C-alpha atoms as a PDB file:
ATOM      1  CA  MET A   1       1.860 -17.146 -15.174  1.00  0.00           C
ATOM      2  CA  PRO A   2       2.664 -18.898 -11.865  1.00  0.00           C
ATOM      3  CA  PHE A   3       1.060 -17.762  -8.604  1.00  0.00           C
ATOM      4  CA  THR A   4       1.494 -18.817  -5.016  1.00  0.00           C
ATOM      5  CA  MET A   5      -1.562 -17.030  -3.571  1.00  0.00           C
ATOM      6  CA  LYS A   6      -4.124 -19.806  -4.117  1.00  0.00           C
ATOM      7  CA  GLN A   7      -4.600 -20.003  -0.383  1.00  0.00           C
ATOM      8  CA  VAL A   8      -6.281 -16.584  -0.337  1.00  0.00           C
ATOM      9  CA  VAL A   9      -8.773 -17.168  -3.127  1.00  0.00           C
ATOM     10  CA  VAL A  10     -11.772 -18.269  -1.093  1.00  0.00           C
ATOM     11  CA  SER A  11     -11.312 -15.727   1.660  1.00  0.00           C
ATOM     12  CA  LEU A  12     -10.660 -12.840  -0.710  1.00  0.00           C
ATOM     13  CA  CYS A  13     -13.694 -13.709  -2.799  1.00  0.00           C
ATOM     14  CA  ALA A  14     -15.739 -13.663   0.382  1.00  0.00           C
ATOM     15  CA  VAL A  15     -14.304 -10.300   1.343  1.00  0.00           C
ATOM     16  CA  LEU A  16     -15.002  -8.833  -2.077  1.00  0.00           C
ATOM     17  CA  ALA A  17     -18.572 -10.051  -1.920  1.00  0.00           C
ATOM     18  CA  VAL A  18     -19.110  -7.947   1.185  1.00  0.00           C
ATOM     19  CA  GLY A  19     -18.817  -4.709  -0.772  1.00  0.00           C
ATOM     20  CA  CYS A  20     -17.831  -1.434   0.845  1.00  0.00           C
ATOM     21  CA  ALA A  21     -20.496  -0.959   3.491  1.00  0.00           C
ATOM     22  CA  GLY A  22     -17.857  -0.562   6.162  1.00  0.00           C
ATOM     23  CA  SER A  23     -15.849   2.100   4.354  1.00  0.00           C
ATOM     24  CA  LYS A  24     -15.164   5.177   6.423  1.00  0.00           C
ATOM     25  CA  ALA A  25     -16.293   8.052   4.294  1.00  0.00           C
ATOM     26  CA  SER A  26     -14.366  10.972   5.729  1.00  0.00           C
ATOM     27  CA  LEU A  27     -12.205  10.610   8.796  1.00  0.00           C
ATOM     28  CA  VAL A  28     -10.401  13.798   9.662  1.00  0.00           C
ATOM     29  CA  ASP A  29      -7.142  13.827  11.597  1.00  0.00           C
ATOM     30  CA  ALA A  30      -5.715  17.014  13.048  1.00  0.00           C
ATOM     31  CA  ASP A  31      -4.105  18.190   9.809  1.00  0.00           C
ATOM     32  CA  VAL A  32      -4.892  15.805   6.983  1.00  0.00           C
ATOM     33  CA  ALA A  33      -8.228  14.477   5.716  1.00  0.00           C
ATOM     34  CA  ARG A  34      -8.365  10.737   5.248  1.00  0.00           C
ATOM     35  CA  TYR A  35     -10.648   8.233   3.578  1.00  0.00           C
ATOM     36  CA  THR A  36     -10.343   4.561   4.551  1.00  0.00           C
ATOM     37  CA  SER A  37     -11.846   1.656   2.641  1.00  0.00           C
ATOM     38  CA  ASP A  38     -13.118  -1.466   4.338  1.00  0.00           C
ATOM     39  CA  ALA A  39     -11.475  -4.871   3.977  1.00  0.00           C
ATOM     40  CA  SER A  40     -12.697  -5.250   0.391  1.00  0.00           C
ATOM     41  CA  GLY A  41     -10.262  -2.468  -0.430  1.00  0.00           C
ATOM     42  CA  PHE A  42      -7.663  -3.796   2.026  1.00  0.00           C
ATOM     43  CA  ASP A  43      -8.383  -1.071   4.630  1.00  0.00           C
ATOM     44  CA  THR A  44      -6.420   1.348   2.480  1.00  0.00           C
ATOM     45  CA  HIS A  45      -6.065   5.025   3.349  1.00  0.00           C
ATOM     46  CA  SER A  46      -6.320   7.753   0.752  1.00  0.00           C
ATOM     47  CA  PHE A  47      -5.373  11.203   2.004  1.00  0.00           C
ATOM     48  CA  PHE A  48      -6.379  14.549   0.568  1.00  0.00           C
ATOM     49  CA  TYR A  49      -5.187  18.068   1.187  1.00  0.00           C
ATOM     50  CA  ASP A  50      -7.320  21.102   0.378  1.00  0.00           C
ATOM     51  CA  THR A  51      -5.039  24.111  -0.072  1.00  0.00           C
ATOM     52  CA  GLY A  52      -7.971  26.485  -0.085  1.00  0.00           C
ATOM     53  CA  ALA A  53      -7.780  26.784  -3.866  1.00  0.00           C
ATOM     54  CA  GLU A  54      -7.307  23.187  -5.014  1.00  0.00           C
ATOM     55  CA  VAL A  55      -7.115  19.605  -3.747  1.00  0.00           C
ATOM     56  CA  VAL A  56      -4.265  17.100  -3.854  1.00  0.00           C
ATOM     57  CA  VAL A  57      -5.130  13.403  -3.404  1.00  0.00           C
ATOM     58  CA  PHE A  58      -2.584  10.840  -2.255  1.00  0.00           C
ATOM     59  CA  ASP A  59      -3.237   7.286  -3.509  1.00  0.00           C
ATOM     60  CA  ALA A  60      -6.360   6.273  -5.354  1.00  0.00           C
ATOM     61  CA  GLN A  61      -7.714   2.973  -3.936  1.00  0.00           C
ATOM     62  CA  PHE A  62      -8.063  -0.530  -5.408  1.00  0.00           C
ATOM     63  CA  THR A  63     -11.165   0.040  -7.543  1.00  0.00           C
ATOM     64  CA  GLU A  64     -12.877   2.949  -9.230  1.00  0.00           C
ATOM     65  CA  ALA A  65     -15.936   2.265  -7.068  1.00  0.00           C
ATOM     66  CA  GLU A  66     -13.828   2.905  -3.974  1.00  0.00           C
ATOM     67  CA  ALA A  67     -12.170   5.926  -5.586  1.00  0.00           C
ATOM     68  CA  THR A  68     -15.654   7.320  -6.243  1.00  0.00           C
ATOM     69  CA  LYS A  69     -16.238   7.201  -2.495  1.00  0.00           C
ATOM     70  CA  VAL A  70     -13.021   9.129  -1.945  1.00  0.00           C
ATOM     71  CA  LEU A  71     -14.322  11.695  -4.415  1.00  0.00           C
ATOM     72  CA  ALA A  72     -17.606  11.906  -2.481  1.00  0.00           C
ATOM     73  CA  ALA A  73     -15.688  12.414   0.775  1.00  0.00           C
ATOM     74  CA  ILE A  74     -13.739  15.252  -0.834  1.00  0.00           C
ATOM     75  CA  ARG A  75     -16.860  16.849  -2.224  1.00  0.00           C
ATOM     76  CA  ALA A  76     -18.476  16.681   1.223  1.00  0.00           C
ATOM     77  CA  LYS A  77     -15.669  18.937   2.461  1.00  0.00           C
ATOM     78  CA  THR A  78     -14.838  21.224  -0.464  1.00  0.00           C
ATOM     79  CA  GLY A  79     -15.870  22.260  -3.954  1.00  0.00           C
ATOM     80  CA  ASN A  80     -12.307  23.162  -4.936  1.00  0.00           C
ATOM     81  CA  PRO A  81     -10.939  21.477  -8.046  1.00  0.00           C
ATOM     82  CA  ILE A  82      -8.950  18.272  -7.633  1.00  0.00           C
ATOM     83  CA  ARG A  83      -5.659  19.172  -9.258  1.00  0.00           C
ATOM     84  CA  TYR A  84      -3.375  16.185  -8.648  1.00  0.00           C
ATOM     85  CA  VAL A  85      -3.389  12.548  -7.575  1.00  0.00           C
ATOM     86  CA  VAL A  86      -0.026  11.368  -6.238  1.00  0.00           C
ATOM     87  CA  VAL A  87       0.758   7.639  -6.482  1.00  0.00           C
ATOM     88  CA  THR A  88       3.239   6.737  -3.740  1.00  0.00           C
ATOM     89  CA  HIS A  89       4.263   3.321  -5.058  1.00  0.00           C
ATOM     90  CA  PRO A  90       3.286   0.739  -7.692  1.00  0.00           C
ATOM     91  CA  ASN A  91       0.673  -1.356  -5.919  1.00  0.00           C
ATOM     92  CA  PRO A  92      -2.860  -1.569  -7.360  1.00  0.00           C
ATOM     93  CA  ASP A  93      -4.593  -0.222  -4.261  1.00  0.00           C
ATOM     94  CA  LYS A  94      -2.671   2.977  -4.926  1.00  0.00           C
ATOM     95  CA  PHE A  95      -3.206   3.375  -8.681  1.00  0.00           C
ATOM     96  CA  ASN A  96      -6.251   1.397  -9.876  1.00  0.00           C
ATOM     97  CA  GLY A  97      -8.699   4.184  -9.029  1.00  0.00           C
ATOM     98  CA  VAL A  98      -6.901   7.105 -10.674  1.00  0.00           C
ATOM     99  CA  GLY A  99      -9.311   7.317 -13.618  1.00  0.00           C
ATOM    100  CA  VAL A 100     -12.052   8.647 -11.350  1.00  0.00           C
ATOM    101  CA  PHE A 101      -9.947  11.711 -10.566  1.00  0.00           C
ATOM    102  CA  GLN A 102      -8.628  12.140 -14.103  1.00  0.00           C
ATOM    103  CA  ARG A 103     -12.220  12.432 -15.295  1.00  0.00           C
ATOM    104  CA  GLU A 104     -12.550  15.263 -12.773  1.00  0.00           C
ATOM    105  CA  GLY A 105      -9.618  17.024 -14.441  1.00  0.00           C
ATOM    106  CA  ALA A 106      -6.853  15.890 -12.097  1.00  0.00           C
ATOM    107  CA  LYS A 107      -3.363  14.943 -13.252  1.00  0.00           C
ATOM    108  CA  VAL A 108      -1.761  11.744 -11.946  1.00  0.00           C
ATOM    109  CA  VAL A 109       1.762  12.255 -10.638  1.00  0.00           C
ATOM    110  CA  ALA A 110       4.300   9.501  -9.958  1.00  0.00           C
ATOM    111  CA  SER A 111       8.035   9.000 -10.035  1.00  0.00           C
ATOM    112  CA  GLU A 112       9.502   7.737 -13.293  1.00  0.00           C
ATOM    113  CA  ALA A 113      10.285   4.441 -11.564  1.00  0.00           C
ATOM    114  CA  THR A 114       6.726   4.008 -10.318  1.00  0.00           C
ATOM    115  CA  ALA A 115       5.273   4.892 -13.711  1.00  0.00           C
ATOM    116  CA  ALA A 116       7.608   2.383 -15.358  1.00  0.00           C
ATOM    117  CA  ALA A 117       6.606  -0.351 -12.897  1.00  0.00           C
ATOM    118  CA  ILE A 118       2.834   0.074 -13.209  1.00  0.00           C
ATOM    119  CA  PRO A 119       2.266  -1.850 -16.495  1.00  0.00           C
ATOM    120  CA  ALA A 120       3.908  -5.066 -15.262  1.00  0.00           C
ATOM    121  CA  VAL A 121       2.264  -4.862 -11.826  1.00  0.00           C
ATOM    122  CA  HIS A 122      -1.092  -4.193 -13.462  1.00  0.00           C
ATOM    123  CA  ALA A 123      -0.744  -7.210 -15.753  1.00  0.00           C
ATOM    124  CA  TYR A 124       0.388  -9.474 -12.910  1.00  0.00           C
ATOM    125  CA  LYS A 125      -2.442  -8.480 -10.592  1.00  0.00           C
ATOM    126  CA  LYS A 126      -5.060  -8.445 -13.331  1.00  0.00           C
ATOM    127  CA  TYR A 127      -4.174 -12.024 -14.241  1.00  0.00           C
ATOM    128  CA  PHE A 128      -4.489 -13.059 -10.617  1.00  0.00           C
ATOM    129  CA  TRP A 129      -7.821 -11.361  -9.977  1.00  0.00           C
ATOM    130  CA  VAL A 130      -9.381 -12.336 -13.316  1.00  0.00           C
ATOM    131  CA  ASN A 131      -7.992 -15.835 -13.892  1.00  0.00           C
ATOM    132  CA  VAL A 132      -7.142 -17.194 -10.441  1.00  0.00           C
ATOM    133  CA  VAL A 133      -9.543 -15.550  -7.990  1.00  0.00           C
ATOM    134  CA  LYS A 134     -12.150 -14.851 -10.718  1.00  0.00           C
ATOM    135  CA  ALA A 135     -13.403 -11.860  -8.731  1.00  0.00           C
ATOM    136  CA  PHE A 136     -13.288  -9.718 -11.878  1.00  0.00           C
ATOM    137  CA  THR A 137     -13.648 -10.245 -15.603  1.00  0.00           C
ATOM    138  CA  GLU A 138     -11.447  -8.793 -18.319  1.00  0.00           C
ATOM    139  CA  GLU A 139     -14.039  -6.060 -18.679  1.00  0.00           C
ATOM    140  CA  THR A 140     -14.586  -5.257 -14.996  1.00  0.00           C
ATOM    141  CA  TYR A 141     -10.992  -5.196 -13.745  1.00  0.00           C
ATOM    142  CA  PRO A 142      -9.747  -1.586 -13.589  1.00  0.00           C
ATOM    143  CA  ALA A 143      -7.990  -0.296 -16.686  1.00  0.00           C
ATOM    144  CA  GLN A 144      -4.245   0.219 -16.495  1.00  0.00           C
ATOM    145  CA  ALA A 145      -3.472   3.517 -14.796  1.00  0.00           C
ATOM    146  CA  ARG A 146      -2.179   6.353 -16.933  1.00  0.00           C
ATOM    147  CA  VAL A 147       0.405   8.661 -15.342  1.00  0.00           C
ATOM    148  CA  ASP A 148       0.331  12.257 -16.577  1.00  0.00           C
ATOM    149  CA  VAL A 149       3.353  13.766 -14.814  1.00  0.00           C
ATOM    150  CA  THR A 150       6.560  11.962 -13.897  1.00  0.00           C
ATOM    151  CA  PHE A 151       9.611  13.106 -11.995  1.00  0.00           C
ATOM    152  CA  ARG A 152      12.956  11.842 -10.825  1.00  0.00           C
ATOM    153  CA  GLY A 153      14.394  12.635  -7.395  1.00  0.00           C
ATOM    154  CA  THR A 154      12.251  15.461  -6.046  1.00  0.00           C
ATOM    155  CA  TYR A 155       9.338  17.462  -7.384  1.00  0.00           C
ATOM    156  CA  ALA A 156       7.314  20.381  -6.025  1.00  0.00           C
ATOM    157  CA  LEU A 157       3.729  20.277  -7.218  1.00  0.00           C
ATOM    158  CA  PRO A 158       2.788  23.500  -9.020  1.00  0.00           C
ATOM    159  CA  LEU A 159       0.096  24.879  -6.733  1.00  0.00           C
ATOM    160  CA  GLU A 160      -1.658  28.197  -6.420  1.00  0.00           C
ATOM    161  CA  GLY A 161      -0.555  30.780  -3.873  1.00  0.00           C
ATOM    162  CA  ASP A 162       1.803  29.750  -1.094  1.00  0.00           C
ATOM    163  CA  ALA A 163       0.630  26.163  -0.761  1.00  0.00           C
ATOM    164  CA  LYS A 164       3.347  23.514  -1.029  1.00  0.00           C
ATOM    165  CA  VAL A 165       3.468  19.782  -1.551  1.00  0.00           C
ATOM    166  CA  GLU A 166       6.959  18.358  -1.977  1.00  0.00           C
ATOM    167  CA  LEU A 167       7.486  14.887  -3.443  1.00  0.00           C
ATOM    168  CA  ALA A 168      10.640  12.869  -2.855  1.00  0.00           C
ATOM    169  CA  GLU A 169      11.647   9.560  -4.374  1.00  0.00           C
ATOM    170  CA  LEU A 170      13.434   7.535  -1.717  1.00  0.00           C
ATOM    171  CA  LYS A 171      16.803   5.962  -2.481  1.00  0.00           C
ATOM    172  CA  HIS A 172      15.674   2.560  -1.218  1.00  0.00           C
ATOM    173  CA  ALA A 173      12.705   0.413  -2.149  1.00  0.00           C
ATOM    174  CA  GLY A 174      10.019  -0.074   0.459  1.00  0.00           C
ATOM    175  CA  VAL A 175       6.987  -2.326   0.355  1.00  0.00           C
ATOM    176  CA  ALA A 176       7.264  -2.334  -3.446  1.00  0.00           C
ATOM    177  CA  THR A 177      10.208  -1.766  -5.799  1.00  0.00           C
ATOM    178  CA  THR A 178      10.163   2.014  -5.546  1.00  0.00           C
ATOM    179  CA  GLN A 179       8.794   4.532  -3.069  1.00  0.00           C
ATOM    180  CA  THR A 180       7.712   8.174  -3.143  1.00  0.00           C
ATOM    181  CA  VAL A 181       6.817  10.213  -0.073  1.00  0.00           C
ATOM    182  CA  ALA A 182       4.904  13.486  -0.028  1.00  0.00           C
ATOM    183  CA  TYR A 183       5.561  16.272   2.460  1.00  0.00           C
ATOM    184  CA  VAL A 184       3.082  19.063   3.191  1.00  0.00           C
ATOM    185  CA  PRO A 185       5.245  21.674   4.968  1.00  0.00           C
ATOM    186  CA  GLY A 186       2.339  23.782   6.191  1.00  0.00           C
ATOM    187  CA  ARG A 187       0.915  20.771   8.009  1.00  0.00           C
ATOM    188  CA  LYS A 188       4.192  18.947   8.783  1.00  0.00           C
ATOM    189  CA  ALA A 189       2.496  15.915   7.239  1.00  0.00           C
ATOM    190  CA  LEU A 190       4.586  13.180   5.628  1.00  0.00           C
ATOM    191  CA  ILE A 191       2.460  10.827   3.528  1.00  0.00           C
ATOM    192  CA  VAL A 192       4.301   7.580   2.848  1.00  0.00           C
ATOM    193  CA  GLY A 193       1.888   4.995   1.442  1.00  0.00           C
ATOM    194  CA  ASP A 194       2.446   1.430   2.612  1.00  0.00           C
ATOM    195  CA  LEU A 195       6.030   2.079   3.661  1.00  0.00           C
ATOM    196  CA  VAL A 196       4.611   2.423   7.188  1.00  0.00           C
ATOM    197  CA  HIS A 197       1.665   0.623   8.762  1.00  0.00           C
ATOM    198  CA  HIS A 198       1.735   2.115  12.239  1.00  0.00           C
ATOM    199  CA  LYS A 199       0.079  -0.254  14.712  1.00  0.00           C
ATOM    200  CA  ALA A 200      -1.245  -2.334  11.810  1.00  0.00           C
ATOM    201  CA  HIS A 201       0.110  -5.453  10.159  1.00  0.00           C
ATOM    202  CA  ALA A 202       1.955  -4.867   6.902  1.00  0.00           C
ATOM    203  CA  TRP A 203       1.634  -6.266   3.391  1.00  0.00           C
ATOM    204  CA  LEU A 204       4.562  -8.690   3.193  1.00  0.00           C
ATOM    205  CA  GLU A 205       4.244  -9.926  -0.373  1.00  0.00           C
ATOM    206  CA  GLY A 206       7.090  -7.837  -1.779  1.00  0.00           C
ATOM    207  CA  GLY A 207       7.611  -5.944  -5.006  1.00  0.00           C
ATOM    208  CA  LEU A 208       7.386  -7.430  -8.483  1.00  0.00           C
ATOM    209  CA  ARG A 209      10.897  -8.329  -9.573  1.00  0.00           C
ATOM    210  CA  GLU A 210      12.580 -10.741 -11.934  1.00  0.00           C
ATOM    211  CA  GLY A 211       9.729 -10.856 -14.406  1.00  0.00           C
ATOM    212  CA  ASN A 212       6.706 -12.352 -12.660  1.00  0.00           C
ATOM    213  CA  LYS A 213       8.133 -12.906  -9.188  1.00  0.00           C
ATOM    214  CA  VAL A 214       7.261 -10.941  -6.064  1.00  0.00           C
ATOM    215  CA  VAL A 215      10.113 -10.704  -3.584  1.00  0.00           C
ATOM    216  CA  PRO A 216      10.216  -8.627  -0.390  1.00  0.00           C
ATOM    217  CA  ASP A 217      13.471  -6.825   0.411  1.00  0.00           C
ATOM    218  CA  MET A 218      13.385  -6.247   4.157  1.00  0.00           C
ATOM    219  CA  ALA A 219      16.805  -4.602   4.303  1.00  0.00           C
ATOM    220  CA  ALA A 220      15.802  -2.076   1.655  1.00  0.00           C
ATOM    221  CA  TRP A 221      12.430  -1.566   3.353  1.00  0.00           C
ATOM    222  CA  LYS A 222      14.104  -0.723   6.658  1.00  0.00           C
ATOM    223  CA  ALA A 223      16.599   1.548   4.887  1.00  0.00           C
ATOM    224  CA  ALA A 224      13.718   3.376   3.216  1.00  0.00           C
ATOM    225  CA  VAL A 225      12.012   3.797   6.591  1.00  0.00           C
ATOM    226  CA  ASP A 226      15.249   5.260   7.958  1.00  0.00           C
ATOM    227  CA  GLU A 227      15.172   7.859   5.189  1.00  0.00           C
ATOM    228  CA  LEU A 228      12.074   9.379   6.818  1.00  0.00           C
ATOM    229  CA  ALA A 229      14.386  10.859   9.450  1.00  0.00           C
ATOM    230  CA  ALA A 230      15.074  13.608   6.890  1.00  0.00           C
ATOM    231  CA  TRP A 231      11.745  15.096   8.047  1.00  0.00           C
ATOM    232  CA  PRO A 232      12.378  15.133  11.836  1.00  0.00           C
ATOM    233  CA  ASP A 233       9.366  17.247  12.798  1.00  0.00           C
ATOM    234  CA  ALA A 234       6.850  15.448  10.621  1.00  0.00           C
ATOM    235  CA  THR A 235       3.867  13.305  11.458  1.00  0.00           C
ATOM    236  CA  VAL A 236       3.859  10.152   9.324  1.00  0.00           C
ATOM    237  CA  TYR A 237       0.647   9.126   7.609  1.00  0.00           C
ATOM    238  CA  GLY A 238       0.935   5.567   6.316  1.00  0.00           C
ATOM    239  CA  GLY A 239      -1.164   3.541   3.930  1.00  0.00           C
ATOM    240  CA  ARG A 240      -2.823   1.713   6.837  1.00  0.00           C
ATOM    241  CA  GLY A 241      -2.911   2.109  10.583  1.00  0.00           C
ATOM    242  CA  GLU A 242      -2.462   5.239  12.651  1.00  0.00           C
ATOM    243  CA  ALA A 243      -0.552   8.473  12.193  1.00  0.00           C
ATOM    244  CA  ALA A 244       2.571   8.853  14.339  1.00  0.00           C
ATOM    245  CA  PRO A 245       5.540  11.182  14.930  1.00  0.00           C
ATOM    246  CA  VAL A 246       8.325  10.279  12.547  1.00  0.00           C
ATOM    247  CA  THR A 247      10.770   8.929  15.142  1.00  0.00           C
ATOM    248  CA  GLU A 248       8.082   6.707  16.650  1.00  0.00           C
ATOM    249  CA  ALA A 249       6.943   5.525  13.218  1.00  0.00           C
ATOM    250  CA  ILE A 250      10.487   4.620  12.149  1.00  0.00           C
ATOM    251  CA  ALA A 251      11.281   2.655  15.294  1.00  0.00           C
ATOM    252  CA  ALA A 252       7.969   0.789  15.338  1.00  0.00           C
ATOM    253  CA  GLN A 253       8.020  -0.169  11.664  1.00  0.00           C
ATOM    254  CA  LYS A 254      11.570  -1.502  11.820  1.00  0.00           C
ATOM    255  CA  ARG A 255      10.749  -3.427  14.990  1.00  0.00           C
ATOM    256  CA  TYR A 256       7.748  -4.968  13.257  1.00  0.00           C
ATOM    257  CA  LEU A 257       9.697  -5.970  10.150  1.00  0.00           C
ATOM    258  CA  ASP A 258      12.470  -7.524  12.233  1.00  0.00           C
ATOM    259  CA  GLY A 259       9.860  -9.292  14.323  1.00  0.00           C
ATOM    260  CA  MET A 260       8.179 -10.817  11.289  1.00  0.00           C
ATOM    261  CA  VAL A 261      11.498 -12.050   9.886  1.00  0.00           C
ATOM    262  CA  THR A 262      12.274 -13.675  13.243  1.00  0.00           C
ATOM    263  CA  LEU A 263       8.806 -15.194  13.423  1.00  0.00           C
ATOM    264  CA  VAL A 264       8.967 -16.731   9.933  1.00  0.00           C
ATOM    265  CA  ASN A 265      12.504 -18.023  10.390  1.00  0.00           C
ATOM    266  CA  GLY A 266      11.596 -19.532  13.752  1.00  0.00           C
ATOM    267  CA  TYR A 267       8.501 -21.216  12.373  1.00  0.00           C
ATOM    268  CA  ALA A 268      10.436 -22.676   9.429  1.00  0.00           C
ATOM    269  CA  ALA A 269      13.050 -24.067  11.834  1.00  0.00           C
ATOM    270  CA  GLU A 270      10.317 -25.505  14.037  1.00  0.00           C
ATOM    271  CA  LEU A 271       8.853 -27.425  11.087  1.00  0.00           C
ATOM    272  CA  GLY A 272      12.145 -29.232  10.559  1.00  0.00           C
ATOM    273  CA  ALA A 273      11.709 -31.958   7.958  1.00  0.00           C
ATOM    274  CA  ARG A 274       8.264 -30.539   7.115  1.00  0.00           C
ATOM    275  CA  LYS A 275       9.720 -27.194   6.042  1.00  0.00           C
ATOM    276  CA  ALA A 276       9.086 -28.064   2.390  1.00  0.00           C
ATOM    277  CA  GLU A 277       5.357 -27.731   3.101  1.00  0.00           C
ATOM    278  CA  LEU A 278       5.869 -23.981   3.228  1.00  0.00           C
ATOM    279  CA  CYS A 279       6.832 -23.944  -0.450  1.00  0.00           C
ATOM    280  CA  GLY A 280       4.022 -25.810  -2.184  1.00  0.00           C
ATOM    281  CA  ASP A 281       0.298 -26.409  -2.316  1.00  0.00           C
ATOM    282  CA  ALA A 282       0.236 -27.416   1.365  1.00  0.00           C
ATOM    283  CA  ALA A 283       1.330 -23.935   2.486  1.00  0.00           C
ATOM    284  CA  ALA A 284      -2.090 -22.448   3.243  1.00  0.00           C
ATOM    285  CA  PRO A 285      -2.464 -23.880   6.792  1.00  0.00           C
ATOM    286  CA  HIS A 286       1.036 -22.645   7.605  1.00  0.00           C
ATOM    287  CA  HIS A 287       0.204 -19.144   6.407  1.00  0.00           C
ATOM    288  CA  ALA A 288      -2.869 -19.219   8.632  1.00  0.00           C
ATOM    289  CA  GLU A 289      -0.717 -20.304  11.568  1.00  0.00           C
ATOM    290  CA  LEU A 290       1.754 -17.514  10.859  1.00  0.00           C
ATOM    291  CA  GLN A 291      -1.134 -15.053  10.906  1.00  0.00           C
ATOM    292  CA  LYS A 292      -2.141 -16.341  14.360  1.00  0.00           C
ATOM    293  CA  ARG A 293       1.405 -16.077  15.621  1.00  0.00           C
ATOM    294  CA  ALA A 294       1.831 -12.574  14.200  1.00  0.00           C
ATOM    295  CA  ALA A 295      -1.364 -11.497  15.951  1.00  0.00           C
ATOM    296  CA  ALA A 296      -0.029 -12.912  19.221  1.00  0.00           C
ATOM    297  CA  ALA A 297       3.402 -11.328  18.743  1.00  0.00           C
ATOM    298  CA  PHE A 298       1.860  -7.902  18.042  1.00  0.00           C
ATOM    299  CA  PRO A 299      -1.412  -7.962  19.990  1.00  0.00           C
ATOM    300  CA  GLU A 300      -1.934  -4.222  19.721  1.00  0.00           C
ATOM    301  CA  TYR A 301      -1.718  -4.282  15.918  1.00  0.00           C
ATOM    302  CA  ALA A 302      -4.819  -4.107  13.720  1.00  0.00           C
ATOM    303  CA  LEU A 303      -5.514  -5.996  10.474  1.00  0.00           C
ATOM    304  CA  PRO A 304      -3.891  -9.387  11.109  1.00  0.00           C
ATOM    305  CA  TYR A 305      -5.571 -10.667   7.949  1.00  0.00           C
ATOM    306  CA  MET A 306      -2.908  -8.759   6.013  1.00  0.00           C
ATOM    307  CA  VAL A 307      -0.375 -11.350   7.183  1.00  0.00           C
ATOM    308  CA  GLY A 308      -2.482 -14.296   6.069  1.00  0.00           C
ATOM    309  CA  TYR A 309      -2.873 -12.840   2.591  1.00  0.00           C
ATOM    310  CA  SER A 310       0.675 -11.640   2.034  1.00  0.00           C
ATOM    311  CA  VAL A 311       3.138 -13.576   4.188  1.00  0.00           C
ATOM    312  CA  TYR A 312       3.707 -16.074   1.381  1.00  0.00           C
ATOM    313  CA  GLY A 313       6.153 -13.571  -0.152  1.00  0.00           C
ATOM    314  CA  LEU A 314       8.265 -13.398   2.986  1.00  0.00           C
ATOM    315  CA  VAL A 315       7.996 -17.171   3.487  1.00  0.00           C
ATOM    316  CA  ASN A 316       9.150 -17.853  -0.066  1.00  0.00           C
ATOM    317  CA  GLN A 317      12.133 -15.572   0.371  1.00  0.00           C
ATOM    318  CA  LEU A 318      13.232 -16.885   3.775  1.00  0.00           C
ATOM    319  CA  ALA A 319      12.289 -20.544   3.618  1.00  0.00           C
ATOM    320  CA  CYS A 320      11.944 -21.501  -0.045  1.00  0.00           C
ATOM    321  CA  GLY A 321      15.054 -20.106  -1.667  1.00  0.00           C
ATOM    322  CA  GLY A 322      13.539 -16.858  -2.883  1.00  0.00           C
END
């Protein structure tokens, strides 16, 4: 199975060795409770909503160890049963930890498209982490996620009383190949996974397509972001970064994506005859340079390391013929 992420092996192994000491156990925004991992879990947000009778979790973290910390954060706030875990899109930091909540009696909910994508994504990422990075073994890498409830289009979670959580499968792909958003009407909270990284750098690898190839689709990503305008009064809670009013979140995310396309295209043009270096084993220093330039282009944005790890996908699409 071919991979083009060799440049991240050493740094990711170092990050994983750190553990989760920096994880933020229970940050509470105005309306939605949030858990955030540290860099070993890619600074990923999991959100949870306590209806007063039951709890809904949105995205389950990269490992079961991190998901266990989400569970502890929930239990620090409420003893209500965890009824559902919603997976917003098929990336492993959203689905690897679901088993922790299933053992608590929760059902995992995902769109049919996300559920269908999980096996291939799981196999692809497991191979990378076990055989390339060697940060896990066959035994220690998380088991493939099992989805209990699937839907197509829209789905209202069956909840007690008047509580509502409405799921919607977007028409366009986002950061991955398919995207679900969750709306909590009583809180005007729109939870969108990695579709939006407000004031944080995004994961630019792309979704798994064409067998074992990851390819970002920036046009589809921007179109998916535009779909959030269907919830005009909402606050957007993304997979990383800050919460923001929907109009602000849409404009900023599209500006960021356009900016990164311009940055990569400009850098490839600047290399001239050396452009081929972007497409082979000599790419790592260029990815590091692109990270530096992205940090300079968006100085107010957190998590520039996300660019260094993931920009290879965007580079391959724009400069290496896909």
